Structures are given as C-alpha cells and as structure tokens.
C-alpha cells in the first residue's frame, strides 16, 4: 500500500513540475478570487497497480484543468496542448519508475464552462500513463 502512495505522489509531483514550467499560475484547488487567467489546476491522480516480484506495473489516470476567461480560448488551447506534449515526454519518475503516455487513451476536451456565472473556457486534460 505504501508503494501505491509513493507512485501516486511521484506522478503528481511530475505533473506539478510540468505545470510550473509552463505557467506561474498553478493551483491544486480552486484559486482565490481575482487570480489572473489562464491558470492550471492539478486535479486527481488515480493508480491501478499490479506489483510483481521485480517491479511495479500499472497505469495512472490524471486530470488536469486549464482555465481561462471567455477571451482566452486560444491561450487555454495552447497551454493545454503544451501540457499534453510535455506529459508525453515524461519517461521516468524521480523514484525510478518508468512511465509512458498512452496517447490513444489520453485526451484534451476544450469546452465552455458553465459552473459559474462567469464565461470561462476549460480544457480538461485526461492523461493515462503506463507504469513499468
């Protein structure tokens, strides 16, 4: 069980580092009122792991959001694409686990957000990494 937590945190940390390389505006929860757009929000990381005698195998499922105002559609799209590409370059986690992006199972869904009274764009990035 502790191995699963360690792998989960390693994936999360790697994604957080990618986000900071792309934007100074990175949050793990909803940011305070008045934060400038666009910004990146690191969401959930779910792992399905299968320990073997010699290594840990599995998949990580990560959700990342890029938020922007109604005028920021292009910036949201570009930032989401850059994040997706950088996540695809991720080959090894700091703890030595090898990872590979399953680009066929990963996606970017760019949509107008209707959860607030503000007109916002949200890119929901779903990343699926194989862990070996």
Protein backbone atom coordinates (compact mmCIF):
# COMPACT_ATOMS: atom_id res chain seq x y z
CA UNK A 1 0.00 0.00 0.00
CA UNK A 2 2.82 2.45 0.76
CA UNK A 3 4.26 1.76 -2.70
CA UNK A 4 0.98 2.86 -4.24
CA UNK A 5 1.04 6.13 -2.30
CA UNK A 6 4.64 6.71 -3.33
CA UNK A 7 3.85 6.11 -7.01
CA UNK A 8 0.77 8.33 -6.78
CA UNK A 9 2.80 11.17 -5.26
CA UNK A 10 5.60 10.71 -7.82
CA UNK A 11 3.13 11.10 -10.71
CA UNK A 12 1.51 14.11 -9.04
CA UNK A 13 4.86 15.78 -8.41
CA UNK A 14 5.99 15.22 -12.00
CA UNK A 15 2.78 16.77 -13.36
CA UNK A 16 3.06 19.69 -10.95
CA UNK A 17 6.63 20.32 -12.17
CA UNK A 18 5.44 20.32 -15.80
CA UNK A 19 2.71 22.82 -14.89
CA UNK A 20 5.22 25.16 -13.23
CA UNK A 21 7.44 25.02 -16.33
CA UNK A 22 4.51 26.26 -18.42
CA UNK A 23 2.84 28.79 -16.13
CA UNK A 24 3.46 30.63 -12.87
CA UNK A 25 -0.27 30.24 -12.13
CA UNK A 26 -0.61 26.67 -10.85
CA UNK A 27 -3.10 25.56 -8.21
CA UNK A 28 -4.09 22.30 -6.55
CA UNK A 29 -7.53 23.58 -5.56
CA UNK A 30 -9.81 26.36 -6.74
CA UNK A 31 -7.69 29.53 -6.60
CA UNK A 32 -8.63 32.66 -4.69
CA UNK A 33 -10.92 35.21 -6.32
CA UNK A 34 -9.19 37.52 -8.79
CA UNK A 35 -6.41 35.18 -9.92
CA UNK A 36 -5.35 36.04 -13.49
CA UNK A 37 -6.27 33.71 -16.35
CA UNK A 38 -5.20 31.38 -17.75
CA UNK A 39 -4.17 29.10 -14.92
CA UNK A 40 -3.52 25.39 -14.47
CA UNK A 41 -5.27 23.32 -11.83
CA UNK A 42 -3.75 19.96 -10.93
CA UNK A 43 -6.59 17.55 -10.21
CA UNK A 44 -6.76 13.92 -9.28
CA UNK A 45 -4.29 11.11 -9.88
CA UNK A 46 -5.65 7.57 -9.73
CA UNK A 47 -3.44 4.50 -9.91
CA UNK A 48 -4.17 0.92 -10.80
CA UNK A 49 -1.10 -1.09 -9.81
CA UNK A 50 -0.01 -4.68 -10.08
CA UNK A 51 3.10 -5.41 -8.03
CA UNK A 52 5.29 -8.22 -9.35
CA UNK A 53 8.36 -9.88 -7.85
CA UNK A 54 10.74 -7.50 -9.58
CA UNK A 55 8.79 -4.31 -10.39
CA UNK A 56 5.60 -2.34 -10.15
CA UNK A 57 3.28 -2.36 -13.17
CA UNK A 58 0.14 -0.35 -13.72
CA UNK A 59 -1.50 2.77 -15.07
CA UNK A 60 -2.02 6.27 -13.76
CA UNK A 61 -5.08 8.33 -14.67
CA UNK A 62 -4.59 12.07 -14.14
CA UNK A 63 -6.96 15.02 -14.55
CA UNK A 64 -5.56 18.47 -15.22
CA UNK A 65 -7.61 21.59 -15.98
CA UNK A 66 -6.56 24.75 -17.76
CA UNK A 67 -8.93 27.65 -17.08
CA UNK A 68 -9.32 30.91 -18.96
CA UNK A 69 -11.72 33.78 -19.47
CA UNK A 70 -14.04 33.96 -22.46
CA UNK A 71 -11.31 35.92 -24.30
CA UNK A 72 -8.64 33.29 -23.57
CA UNK A 73 -9.85 30.35 -25.67
CA UNK A 74 -6.69 30.24 -27.78
CA UNK A 75 -4.41 30.62 -24.75
CA UNK A 76 -6.27 27.81 -22.96
CA UNK A 77 -5.99 25.59 -26.02
CA UNK A 78 -2.28 26.31 -26.50
CA UNK A 79 -1.45 25.79 -22.81
CA UNK A 80 -3.39 22.50 -22.72
CA UNK A 81 -1.61 21.26 -25.85
CA UNK A 82 1.80 22.21 -24.42
CA UNK A 83 0.99 20.40 -21.16
CA UNK A 84 -0.15 17.32 -23.07
CA UNK A 85 3.05 17.26 -25.14
CA UNK A 86 5.28 17.73 -22.08
CA UNK A 87 3.42 14.95 -20.26
CA UNK A 88 4.16 12.73 -23.27
CA UNK A 89 7.88 13.41 -22.83
CA UNK A 90 7.76 12.11 -19.27
CA UNK A 91 9.63 8.80 -19.29
CA UNK A 92 10.89 8.32 -15.74
CA UNK A 93 9.63 9.49 -12.37
CA UNK A 94 12.08 10.74 -9.72
CA UNK A 95 11.76 7.48 -7.78
CA UNK A 96 12.93 5.49 -10.81
CA UNK A 97 9.57 4.22 -12.08
CA UNK A 98 9.35 4.19 -15.87
CA UNK A 99 6.25 5.74 -17.45
CA UNK A 100 4.90 6.08 -20.96
CA UNK A 101 1.90 8.19 -22.05
CA UNK A 102 -0.88 6.18 -23.68
CA UNK A 103 -1.77 8.90 -26.19
CA UNK A 104 -4.70 6.87 -27.56
CA UNK A 105 -6.37 6.80 -24.13
CA UNK A 106 -5.39 10.38 -23.20
CA UNK A 107 -7.30 13.44 -24.37
CA UNK A 108 -7.93 17.18 -24.24
CA UNK A 109 -11.55 18.31 -24.00
CA UNK A 110 -11.89 22.07 -24.54
CA UNK A 111 -15.32 23.40 -23.59
CA UNK A 112 -17.10 26.44 -22.26
CA UNK A 113 -17.52 26.11 -18.53
CA UNK A 114 -21.00 26.64 -17.14
CA UNK A 115 -20.42 26.01 -13.45
CA UNK A 116 -20.14 29.74 -12.60
CA UNK A 117 -21.83 32.96 -13.67
CA UNK A 118 -18.61 33.97 -15.48
CA UNK A 119 -17.98 32.94 -19.06
CA UNK A 120 -14.94 30.71 -18.89
CA UNK A 121 -13.09 28.22 -21.05
CA UNK A 122 -11.87 24.98 -19.55
CA UNK A 123 -9.53 22.44 -21.09
CA UNK A 124 -9.89 19.14 -19.27
CA UNK A 125 -6.75 17.11 -19.88
CA UNK A 126 -7.01 13.40 -19.19
CA UNK A 127 -3.63 11.66 -19.08
CA UNK A 128 -3.15 7.92 -18.97
CA UNK A 129 0.41 6.78 -18.27
CA UNK A 130 1.56 3.19 -18.28
CA UNK A 131 3.85 2.49 -15.32
CA UNK A 132 6.51 -0.18 -15.51
